[in-house]
Amino acid sequence: MANPEDTPANQTNADEDIDRALADLADLVKPIATEGKISIDAFFYLLLIWSSFHVYPLEPPQEAFPDGAKVIPFKEGWQIVDFGDSISTSPGEYYGSYCTGRLINTAIQMIELMAQRGITKIGFLGHDVARRAAWMECLDHNISIINYEPTDFDWEVRYRILEDRKKSDKRRQKHLQEKDARYEPE
């Protein structure tokens, strides 16, 4: 059944939001481009290959921080830049890196942060692998997504991960039972 919120009008609004965000980004790059350091086209190309991820909450709506962004460091991932009304990865030193577990862990932590804030509906932009990881995490936290339609491959990855978790849990249970049996008093 189709989601009634996925109407052409809503998609147009989302497309317009993305167009505005890209225009704003281009305005930020213009000073660098006019100094001859990088062209705007080169900047957008680099942005495309940059393994990044951006989440914006839709329900309930959030306000931007009046005093600017805050950085949230994580041990197992990249820093997250929290703007209040959205969060983004900050991969700076990892520019050009392949999409590794670090990006996946960060995307998962970003969705967990949204869940902790009581967010029930989001949109996100970023690398496909991060988007898939975030989608799976959203399923676990009952968060709806406006701009991601899982493919058959996404579902297959999800099922494989769930199966691996079950096998791992069974092995852990067996190990704990064997360990307990060794230390039972006679």
N, C-alpha and C. Protein backbone atom coordinates (compact mmCIF):
# COMPACT_ATOMS: atom_id res chain seq x y z
N MET A 1 0.84 -1.18 0.00
CA MET A 1 0.00 0.00 0.00
C MET A 1 0.88 1.24 0.00
N ALA A 2 0.57 2.19 -0.80
CA ALA A 2 1.38 3.40 -0.91
C ALA A 2 1.17 4.28 0.31
N ASN A 3 2.23 4.96 0.70
CA ASN A 3 2.17 5.89 1.81
C ASN A 3 1.49 7.16 1.32
N PRO A 4 0.39 7.62 1.97
CA PRO A 4 -0.31 8.81 1.50
C PRO A 4 0.56 10.07 1.56
N GLU A 5 1.61 10.03 2.38
CA GLU A 5 2.48 11.20 2.48
C GLU A 5 3.49 11.26 1.34
N ASP A 6 3.63 10.19 0.56
CA ASP A 6 4.55 10.16 -0.55
C ASP A 6 3.87 10.65 -1.83
N THR A 7 3.22 11.78 -1.73
CA THR A 7 2.52 12.34 -2.88
C THR A 7 3.50 13.15 -3.72
N PRO A 8 3.16 13.41 -4.98
CA PRO A 8 4.03 14.24 -5.80
C PRO A 8 4.29 15.61 -5.17
N ALA A 9 3.29 16.18 -4.49
CA ALA A 9 3.49 17.48 -3.85
C ALA A 9 4.54 17.40 -2.76
N ASN A 10 4.49 16.34 -1.93
CA ASN A 10 5.49 16.18 -0.87
C ASN A 10 6.86 15.93 -1.46
N GLN A 11 6.95 15.14 -2.53
CA GLN A 11 8.23 14.89 -3.17
C GLN A 11 8.78 16.18 -3.75
N THR A 12 7.90 17.02 -4.35
CA THR A 12 8.33 18.30 -4.89
C THR A 12 8.89 19.17 -3.79
N ASN A 13 8.23 19.19 -2.62
CA ASN A 13 8.74 19.98 -1.49
C ASN A 13 10.11 19.48 -1.06
N ALA A 14 10.29 18.16 -1.00
CA ALA A 14 11.58 17.61 -0.61
C ALA A 14 12.63 17.96 -1.65
N ASP A 15 12.27 17.87 -2.93
CA ASP A 15 13.21 18.25 -4.00
C ASP A 15 13.58 19.73 -3.90
N GLU A 16 12.59 20.57 -3.61
CA GLU A 16 12.86 22.00 -3.46
C GLU A 16 13.79 22.26 -2.28
N ASP A 17 13.58 21.53 -1.18
CA ASP A 17 14.46 21.67 -0.01
C ASP A 17 15.89 21.31 -0.37
N ILE A 18 16.05 20.23 -1.12
CA ILE A 18 17.39 19.81 -1.53
C ILE A 18 18.00 20.84 -2.45
N ASP A 19 17.21 21.36 -3.40
CA ASP A 19 17.72 22.40 -4.32
C ASP A 19 18.17 23.64 -3.55
N ARG A 20 17.36 24.05 -2.55
CA ARG A 20 17.74 25.21 -1.74
C ARG A 20 19.02 24.94 -0.96
N ALA A 21 19.13 23.72 -0.39
CA ALA A 21 20.33 23.38 0.37
C ALA A 21 21.56 23.38 -0.53
N LEU A 22 21.43 22.86 -1.75
CA LEU A 22 22.56 22.87 -2.68
C LEU A 22 22.92 24.29 -3.10
N ALA A 23 21.91 25.13 -3.30
CA ALA A 23 22.17 26.54 -3.65
C ALA A 23 22.90 27.24 -2.50
N ASP A 24 22.45 26.98 -1.27
CA ASP A 24 23.13 27.57 -0.11
C ASP A 24 24.57 27.08 -0.02
N LEU A 25 24.77 25.80 -0.29
CA LEU A 25 26.10 25.23 -0.26
C LEU A 25 26.98 25.87 -1.33
N ALA A 26 26.42 26.06 -2.52
CA ALA A 26 27.17 26.72 -3.60
C ALA A 26 27.56 28.13 -3.19
N ASP A 27 26.66 28.84 -2.50
CA ASP A 27 26.99 30.19 -2.03
C ASP A 27 28.16 30.17 -1.06
N LEU A 28 28.21 29.14 -0.21
CA LEU A 28 29.33 29.02 0.72
C LEU A 28 30.65 28.73 0.02
N VAL A 29 30.57 28.03 -1.10
CA VAL A 29 31.79 27.63 -1.83
C VAL A 29 32.31 28.76 -2.72
N LYS A 30 31.43 29.67 -3.13
CA LYS A 30 31.83 30.73 -4.07
C LYS A 30 33.08 31.49 -3.64
N PRO A 31 33.21 31.89 -2.36
CA PRO A 31 34.45 32.61 -1.99
C PRO A 31 35.71 31.78 -2.23
N ILE A 32 35.63 30.48 -1.97
CA ILE A 32 36.78 29.61 -2.20
C ILE A 32 37.04 29.50 -3.69
N ALA A 33 35.96 29.38 -4.47
CA ALA A 33 36.10 29.23 -5.93
C ALA A 33 36.65 30.50 -6.57
N THR A 34 36.23 31.67 -6.07
CA THR A 34 36.71 32.91 -6.68
C THR A 34 38.18 33.18 -6.35
N GLU A 35 38.67 32.58 -5.27
CA GLU A 35 40.09 32.71 -4.95
C GLU A 35 40.93 31.74 -5.76
N GLY A 36 40.28 30.92 -6.59
CA GLY A 36 41.00 29.99 -7.45
C GLY A 36 41.44 28.72 -6.75
N LYS A 37 40.95 28.47 -5.54
CA LYS A 37 41.37 27.28 -4.80
C LYS A 37 40.67 26.03 -5.31
N ILE A 38 39.39 26.14 -5.68
CA ILE A 38 38.63 25.00 -6.18
C ILE A 38 37.44 25.53 -6.95
N SER A 39 37.04 24.82 -8.00
CA SER A 39 35.85 25.24 -8.74
C SER A 39 34.61 24.68 -8.04
N ILE A 40 33.48 25.32 -8.28
CA ILE A 40 32.24 24.84 -7.68
C ILE A 40 31.93 23.43 -8.18
N ASP A 41 32.16 23.18 -9.48
CA ASP A 41 31.92 21.83 -10.02
C ASP A 41 32.80 20.80 -9.33
N ALA A 42 34.08 21.14 -9.11
CA ALA A 42 34.99 20.21 -8.44
C ALA A 42 34.53 19.97 -7.01
N PHE A 43 34.06 21.01 -6.35
CA PHE A 43 33.58 20.87 -4.98
C PHE A 43 32.42 19.88 -4.92
N PHE A 44 31.44 20.03 -5.83
CA PHE A 44 30.30 19.13 -5.82
C PHE A 44 30.70 17.71 -6.19
N TYR A 45 31.70 17.56 -7.07
CA TYR A 45 32.19 16.22 -7.39
C TYR A 45 32.79 15.57 -6.14
N LEU A 46 33.62 16.32 -5.43
CA LEU A 46 34.23 15.79 -4.21
C LEU A 46 33.16 15.45 -3.17
N LEU A 47 32.14 16.27 -3.11
CA LEU A 47 31.05 16.02 -2.18
C LEU A 47 30.35 14.69 -2.51
N LEU A 48 30.22 14.38 -3.80
CA LEU A 48 29.58 13.13 -4.21
C LEU A 48 30.36 11.90 -3.79
N ILE A 49 31.70 11.99 -3.82
CA ILE A 49 32.49 10.81 -3.45
C ILE A 49 32.83 10.80 -1.97
N TRP A 50 32.50 11.85 -1.26
CA TRP A 50 32.77 11.93 0.17
C TRP A 50 31.75 11.06 0.89
N SER A 51 32.20 10.14 1.66
CA SER A 51 31.29 9.25 2.39
C SER A 51 30.70 10.00 3.57
N SER A 52 29.58 10.65 3.33
CA SER A 52 28.97 11.46 4.38
C SER A 52 27.52 11.03 4.59
N PHE A 53 26.94 11.58 5.64
CA PHE A 53 25.56 11.25 5.97
C PHE A 53 24.94 12.41 6.72
N HIS A 54 23.69 12.71 6.39
CA HIS A 54 22.98 13.85 6.98
C HIS A 54 21.56 13.40 7.32
N VAL A 55 21.10 13.69 8.54
CA VAL A 55 19.76 13.33 8.99
C VAL A 55 19.01 14.59 9.39
N TYR A 56 17.79 14.71 8.92
CA TYR A 56 16.97 15.84 9.34
C TYR A 56 15.63 15.33 9.87
N PRO A 57 15.33 15.66 11.14
CA PRO A 57 14.08 15.20 11.75
C PRO A 57 12.88 15.99 11.21
N LEU A 58 11.77 15.29 11.03
CA LEU A 58 10.56 15.94 10.53
C LEU A 58 9.44 15.98 11.58
N GLU A 59 9.34 14.91 12.38
CA GLU A 59 8.32 14.88 13.43
C GLU A 59 8.93 14.35 14.71
N PRO A 60 8.80 15.06 15.78
CA PRO A 60 8.36 16.44 15.83
C PRO A 60 9.45 17.37 15.27
N PRO A 61 9.04 18.54 14.74
CA PRO A 61 10.02 19.47 14.18
C PRO A 61 10.99 19.96 15.25
N GLN A 62 12.21 20.21 14.85
CA GLN A 62 13.25 20.67 15.77
C GLN A 62 13.70 22.07 15.35
N GLU A 63 14.24 22.80 16.29
CA GLU A 63 14.76 24.15 16.02
C GLU A 63 16.27 24.11 15.96
N ALA A 64 16.83 24.96 15.12
CA ALA A 64 18.29 25.08 15.05
C ALA A 64 18.79 25.70 16.34
N PHE A 65 20.01 25.34 16.73
CA PHE A 65 20.60 25.93 17.93
C PHE A 65 20.92 27.41 17.64
N PRO A 66 20.49 28.31 18.52
CA PRO A 66 20.75 29.73 18.26
C PRO A 66 22.24 30.09 18.32
N ASP A 67 23.00 29.32 19.08
CA ASP A 67 24.42 29.65 19.24
C ASP A 67 25.32 28.79 18.34
N GLY A 68 24.76 28.15 17.35
CA GLY A 68 25.56 27.39 16.39
C GLY A 68 25.61 25.90 16.67
N ALA A 69 26.32 25.20 15.82
CA ALA A 69 26.40 23.74 15.88
C ALA A 69 27.23 23.27 17.06
N LYS A 70 26.94 22.04 17.48
CA LYS A 70 27.69 21.38 18.54
C LYS A 70 28.28 20.10 17.96
N VAL A 71 29.47 19.75 18.39
CA VAL A 71 30.13 18.55 17.90
C VAL A 71 29.98 17.44 18.93
N ILE A 72 29.55 16.28 18.47
CA ILE A 72 29.38 15.11 19.33
C ILE A 72 30.42 14.07 18.89
N PRO A 73 31.45 13.84 19.69
CA PRO A 73 32.44 12.82 19.30
C PRO A 73 31.96 11.42 19.70
N PHE A 74 32.30 10.43 18.90
CA PHE A 74 31.98 9.05 19.20
C PHE A 74 33.26 8.22 19.08
N LYS A 75 33.41 7.24 19.94
CA LYS A 75 34.60 6.39 19.91
C LYS A 75 34.66 5.54 18.65
N GLU A 76 33.54 4.98 18.24
CA GLU A 76 33.51 4.01 17.15
C GLU A 76 33.04 4.62 15.83
N GLY A 77 33.18 5.92 15.65
CA GLY A 77 32.71 6.54 14.42
C GLY A 77 33.28 7.93 14.26
N TRP A 78 32.71 8.64 13.31
CA TRP A 78 33.13 10.01 13.07
C TRP A 78 32.44 10.93 14.06
N GLN A 79 32.91 12.15 14.12
CA GLN A 79 32.20 13.15 14.91
C GLN A 79 30.88 13.44 14.23
N ILE A 80 29.90 13.79 15.04
CA ILE A 80 28.61 14.20 14.51
C ILE A 80 28.44 15.68 14.81
N VAL A 81 28.08 16.44 13.80
CA VAL A 81 27.82 17.86 13.98
C VAL A 81 26.31 18.01 14.16
N ASP A 82 25.92 18.53 15.32
CA ASP A 82 24.51 18.67 15.68
C ASP A 82 24.12 20.14 15.52
N PHE A 83 23.22 20.41 14.57
CA PHE A 83 22.75 21.77 14.32
C PHE A 83 21.44 22.06 15.05
N GLY A 84 20.92 21.07 15.77
CA GLY A 84 19.63 21.20 16.44
C GLY A 84 18.51 20.74 15.55
N ASP A 85 18.43 21.30 14.34
CA ASP A 85 17.38 20.90 13.40
C ASP A 85 17.85 19.85 12.40
N SER A 86 19.10 19.42 12.52
CA SER A 86 19.65 18.34 11.69
C SER A 86 21.00 17.93 12.28
N ILE A 87 21.47 16.77 11.86
CA ILE A 87 22.79 16.30 12.26
C ILE A 87 23.52 15.78 11.03
N SER A 88 24.84 15.93 11.04
CA SER A 88 25.65 15.50 9.90
C SER A 88 26.92 14.84 10.40
N THR A 89 27.46 13.95 9.55
CA THR A 89 28.78 13.39 9.87
C THR A 89 29.81 14.46 9.60
N SER A 90 30.93 14.32 10.22
CA SER A 90 32.05 15.22 9.99
C SER A 90 33.27 14.39 9.67
N PRO A 91 33.38 13.89 8.42
CA PRO A 91 34.45 12.96 8.10
C PRO A 91 35.78 13.60 7.76
N GLY A 92 35.86 14.94 7.78
CA GLY A 92 37.05 15.68 7.41
C GLY A 92 38.33 14.91 7.18
N GLU A 93 38.91 14.38 8.24
CA GLU A 93 40.20 13.69 8.10
C GLU A 93 40.09 12.39 7.34
N TYR A 94 38.87 11.90 7.12
CA TYR A 94 38.69 10.65 6.41
C TYR A 94 38.26 10.88 4.97
N TYR A 95 38.46 12.09 4.45
CA TYR A 95 38.06 12.42 3.09
C TYR A 95 38.57 11.37 2.11
N GLY A 96 37.68 10.98 1.23
CA GLY A 96 38.06 10.02 0.19
C GLY A 96 38.16 8.60 0.68
N SER A 97 37.87 8.37 1.97
CA SER A 97 37.98 7.01 2.48
C SER A 97 36.84 6.18 1.93
N TYR A 98 37.03 4.90 1.93
CA TYR A 98 35.96 4.03 1.51
C TYR A 98 34.89 4.02 2.59
N CYS A 99 33.71 3.61 2.22
CA CYS A 99 32.61 3.55 3.16
C CYS A 99 32.84 2.35 4.08
N THR A 100 33.38 2.61 5.24
CA THR A 100 33.77 1.54 6.15
C THR A 100 32.78 1.43 7.30
N GLY A 101 33.14 0.56 8.21
CA GLY A 101 32.35 0.40 9.42
C GLY A 101 32.21 1.69 10.19
N ARG A 102 33.20 2.57 10.08
CA ARG A 102 33.14 3.85 10.80
C ARG A 102 31.92 4.66 10.36
N LEU A 103 31.68 4.76 9.05
CA LEU A 103 30.52 5.50 8.56
C LEU A 103 29.22 4.78 8.96
N ILE A 104 29.20 3.48 8.85
CA ILE A 104 28.01 2.71 9.23
C ILE A 104 27.71 2.90 10.71
N ASN A 105 28.75 2.80 11.56
CA ASN A 105 28.55 3.01 13.00
C ASN A 105 28.03 4.40 13.29
N THR A 106 28.56 5.39 12.58
CA THR A 106 28.12 6.77 12.79
C THR A 106 26.67 6.93 12.39
N ALA A 107 26.28 6.37 11.24
CA ALA A 107 24.88 6.47 10.79
C ALA A 107 23.95 5.82 11.82
N ILE A 108 24.34 4.68 12.34
CA ILE A 108 23.53 4.00 13.36
C ILE A 108 23.42 4.87 14.62
N GLN A 109 24.54 5.45 15.04
CA GLN A 109 24.52 6.32 16.23
C GLN A 109 23.65 7.56 16.00
N MET A 110 23.64 8.05 14.78
CA MET A 110 22.80 9.21 14.47
C MET A 110 21.32 8.87 14.60
N ILE A 111 20.93 7.68 14.15
CA ILE A 111 19.53 7.26 14.27
C ILE A 111 19.19 7.01 15.74
N GLU A 112 20.12 6.42 16.50
CA GLU A 112 19.89 6.22 17.93
C GLU A 112 19.69 7.57 18.63
N LEU A 113 20.46 8.57 18.23
CA LEU A 113 20.31 9.92 18.78
C LEU A 113 18.92 10.48 18.46
N MET A 114 18.45 10.26 17.24
CA MET A 114 17.10 10.71 16.87
C MET A 114 16.05 10.00 17.73
N ALA A 115 16.22 8.70 17.94
CA ALA A 115 15.27 7.94 18.77
C ALA A 115 15.27 8.47 20.20
N GLN A 116 16.45 8.77 20.75
CA GLN A 116 16.54 9.30 22.11
C GLN A 116 15.82 10.64 22.23
N ARG A 117 15.80 11.39 21.16
CA ARG A 117 15.13 12.70 21.16
C ARG A 117 13.63 12.59 20.89
N GLY A 118 13.14 11.38 20.69
CA GLY A 118 11.72 11.19 20.47
C GLY A 118 11.28 11.49 19.04
N ILE A 119 12.20 11.48 18.11
CA ILE A 119 11.89 11.75 16.71
C ILE A 119 11.19 10.52 16.13
N THR A 120 10.09 10.73 15.42
CA THR A 120 9.33 9.62 14.85
C THR A 120 9.36 9.58 13.33
N LYS A 121 9.84 10.67 12.71
CA LYS A 121 9.88 10.73 11.24
C LYS A 121 11.09 11.55 10.82
N ILE A 122 11.85 10.99 9.86
CA ILE A 122 13.06 11.67 9.40
C ILE A 122 13.21 11.58 7.89
N GLY A 123 14.18 12.33 7.41
CA GLY A 123 14.69 12.19 6.06
C GLY A 123 16.19 12.14 6.18
N PHE A 124 16.87 11.56 5.21
CA PHE A 124 18.33 11.58 5.26
C PHE A 124 18.93 11.58 3.87
N LEU A 125 20.18 12.02 3.81
CA LEU A 125 20.96 12.09 2.59
C LEU A 125 22.32 11.49 2.88
N GLY A 126 22.92 10.86 1.90
CA GLY A 126 24.27 10.36 2.11
C GLY A 126 24.57 9.14 1.28
N HIS A 127 25.67 8.53 1.64
CA HIS A 127 26.17 7.36 0.94
C HIS A 127 25.18 6.20 1.07
N ASP A 128 25.05 5.40 0.02
CA ASP A 128 24.07 4.30 0.00
C ASP A 128 24.23 3.34 1.17
N VAL A 129 25.46 3.00 1.51
CA VAL A 129 25.68 2.05 2.60
C VAL A 129 25.21 2.64 3.93
N ALA A 130 25.46 3.93 4.14
CA ALA A 130 25.01 4.59 5.36
C ALA A 130 23.49 4.68 5.38
N ARG A 131 22.90 4.94 4.23
CA ARG A 131 21.44 5.03 4.15
C ARG A 131 20.81 3.67 4.48
N ARG A 132 21.40 2.59 3.98
CA ARG A 132 20.87 1.26 4.28
C ARG A 132 20.99 0.97 5.78
N ALA A 133 22.14 1.28 6.37
CA ALA A 133 22.33 1.04 7.81
C ALA A 133 21.33 1.86 8.63
N ALA A 134 21.12 3.12 8.21
CA ALA A 134 20.17 3.98 8.93
C ALA A 134 18.75 3.45 8.79
N TRP A 135 18.40 3.00 7.60
CA TRP A 135 17.06 2.43 7.39
C TRP A 135 16.83 1.25 8.32
N MET A 136 17.82 0.36 8.43
CA MET A 136 17.67 -0.81 9.31
C MET A 136 17.53 -0.37 10.76
N GLU A 137 18.29 0.63 11.15
CA GLU A 137 18.20 1.13 12.53
C GLU A 137 16.84 1.79 12.77
N CYS A 138 16.33 2.50 11.76
CA CYS A 138 15.00 3.11 11.88
C CYS A 138 13.92 2.04 12.08
N LEU A 139 14.06 0.91 11.41
CA LEU A 139 13.11 -0.19 11.63
C LEU A 139 13.12 -0.62 13.09
N ASP A 140 14.31 -0.72 13.66
CA ASP A 140 14.43 -1.16 15.06
C ASP A 140 13.85 -0.14 16.03
N HIS A 141 13.84 1.15 15.65
CA HIS A 141 13.36 2.21 16.54
C HIS A 141 11.99 2.75 16.14
N ASN A 142 11.36 2.10 15.14
CA ASN A 142 10.04 2.52 14.68
C ASN A 142 10.01 3.98 14.25
N ILE A 143 11.02 4.38 13.50
CA ILE A 143 11.10 5.74 12.94
C ILE A 143 10.80 5.64 11.46
N SER A 144 9.84 6.43 10.98
CA SER A 144 9.53 6.40 9.55
C SER A 144 10.47 7.32 8.78
N ILE A 145 10.67 6.98 7.51
CA ILE A 145 11.60 7.72 6.64
C ILE A 145 10.83 8.17 5.41
N ILE A 146 10.99 9.43 5.03
CA ILE A 146 10.23 9.93 3.88
C ILE A 146 10.92 9.68 2.54
N ASN A 147 12.22 9.51 2.53
CA ASN A 147 12.93 9.49 1.25
C ASN A 147 13.82 8.27 1.05
N TYR A 148 13.36 7.13 1.53
CA TYR A 148 14.13 5.92 1.31
C TYR A 148 13.19 4.76 1.07
N GLU A 149 13.34 4.12 -0.06
CA GLU A 149 12.56 2.94 -0.40
C GLU A 149 13.52 1.77 -0.49
N PRO A 150 13.47 0.83 0.46
CA PRO A 150 14.42 -0.28 0.45
C PRO A 150 14.25 -1.16 -0.79
N THR A 151 15.37 -1.61 -1.30
CA THR A 151 15.37 -2.51 -2.45
C THR A 151 15.31 -3.96 -1.95
N ASP A 152 15.16 -4.88 -2.87
CA ASP A 152 15.20 -6.30 -2.50
C ASP A 152 16.55 -6.64 -1.87
N PHE A 153 17.62 -6.04 -2.41
CA PHE A 153 18.95 -6.27 -1.85
C PHE A 153 19.03 -5.77 -0.40
N ASP A 154 18.44 -4.61 -0.12
CA ASP A 154 18.42 -4.07 1.24
C ASP A 154 17.75 -5.05 2.20
N TRP A 155 16.60 -5.59 1.77
CA TRP A 155 15.89 -6.56 2.61
C TRP A 155 16.73 -7.82 2.80
N GLU A 156 17.42 -8.26 1.77
CA GLU A 156 18.27 -9.45 1.89
C GLU A 156 19.40 -9.20 2.90
N VAL A 157 20.01 -8.02 2.84
CA VAL A 157 21.06 -7.67 3.81
C VAL A 157 20.47 -7.67 5.21
N ARG A 158 19.30 -7.10 5.36
CA ARG A 158 18.62 -7.06 6.67
C ARG A 158 18.40 -8.47 7.21
N TYR A 159 17.87 -9.36 6.38
CA TYR A 159 17.61 -10.74 6.82
C TYR A 159 18.90 -11.45 7.20
N ARG A 160 19.96 -11.24 6.43
CA ARG A 160 21.24 -11.88 6.75
C ARG A 160 21.78 -11.39 8.09
N ILE A 161 21.67 -10.11 8.34
CA ILE A 161 22.15 -9.56 9.61
C ILE A 161 21.34 -10.13 10.77
N LEU A 162 20.03 -10.21 10.62
CA LEU A 162 19.19 -10.77 11.68
C LEU A 162 19.53 -12.23 11.93
N GLU A 163 19.77 -12.99 10.87
CA GLU A 163 20.15 -14.39 11.02
C GLU A 163 21.50 -14.51 11.74
N ASP A 164 22.45 -13.67 11.36
CA ASP A 164 23.76 -13.69 12.02
C ASP A 164 23.63 -13.36 13.51
N ARG A 165 22.75 -12.40 13.83
CA ARG A 165 22.52 -12.06 15.24
C ARG A 165 21.96 -13.26 16.01
N LYS A 166 21.01 -13.97 15.40
CA LYS A 166 20.42 -15.14 16.06
C LYS A 166 21.48 -16.20 16.32
N LYS A 167 22.31 -16.47 15.31
CA LYS A 167 23.37 -17.46 15.47
C LYS A 167 24.35 -17.03 16.54
N SER A 168 24.70 -15.76 16.54
CA SER A 168 25.63 -15.24 17.54
C SER A 168 25.04 -15.35 18.94
N ASP A 169 23.76 -15.03 19.08
CA ASP A 169 23.09 -15.14 20.38
C ASP A 169 23.07 -16.59 20.87
N LYS A 170 22.82 -17.53 19.96
CA LYS A 170 22.81 -18.95 20.33
C LYS A 170 24.20 -19.39 20.79
N ARG A 171 25.23 -18.96 20.05
CA ARG A 171 26.61 -19.32 20.45
C ARG A 171 26.95 -18.70 21.81
N ARG A 172 26.54 -17.47 22.03
CA ARG A 172 26.81 -16.80 23.31
C ARG A 172 26.10 -17.53 24.45
N GLN A 173 24.82 -17.91 24.22
CA GLN A 173 24.07 -18.65 25.24
C GLN A 173 24.75 -19.96 25.57
N LYS A 174 25.17 -20.70 24.55
CA LYS A 174 25.82 -21.99 24.75
C LYS A 174 27.12 -21.80 25.54
N HIS A 175 27.89 -20.79 25.19
CA HIS A 175 29.15 -20.52 25.88
C HIS A 175 28.89 -20.20 27.36
N LEU A 176 27.89 -19.39 27.64
CA LEU A 176 27.58 -19.03 29.02
C LEU A 176 27.10 -20.24 29.82
N GLN A 177 26.32 -21.11 29.18
CA GLN A 177 25.86 -22.32 29.88
C GLN A 177 27.03 -23.23 30.20
N GLU A 178 27.96 -23.38 29.23
CA GLU A 178 29.14 -24.21 29.48
C GLU A 178 29.99 -23.61 30.58
N LYS A 179 30.13 -22.30 30.58
CA LYS A 179 30.93 -21.62 31.59
C LYS A 179 30.28 -21.79 32.97
N ASP A 180 28.95 -21.63 33.04
CA ASP A 180 28.24 -21.82 34.31
C ASP A 180 28.39 -23.24 34.82
N ALA A 181 28.32 -24.21 33.92
CA ALA A 181 28.43 -25.63 34.32
C ALA A 181 29.80 -25.92 34.93
N ARG A 182 30.84 -25.26 34.44
CA ARG A 182 32.19 -25.48 34.95
C ARG A 182 32.35 -24.95 36.36
N TYR A 183 31.56 -23.94 36.73
CA TYR A 183 31.74 -23.29 38.03
C TYR A 183 30.65 -23.62 39.03
N GLU A 184 29.81 -24.59 38.71
CA GLU A 184 28.78 -24.99 39.66
C GLU A 184 29.41 -25.76 40.81
N PRO A 185 28.96 -25.44 42.02
CA PRO A 185 29.50 -26.18 43.18
C PRO A 185 29.03 -27.64 43.15
N GLU A 186 29.89 -28.51 43.63
CA GLU A 186 29.56 -29.96 43.63
C GLU A 186 28.82 -30.37 44.87
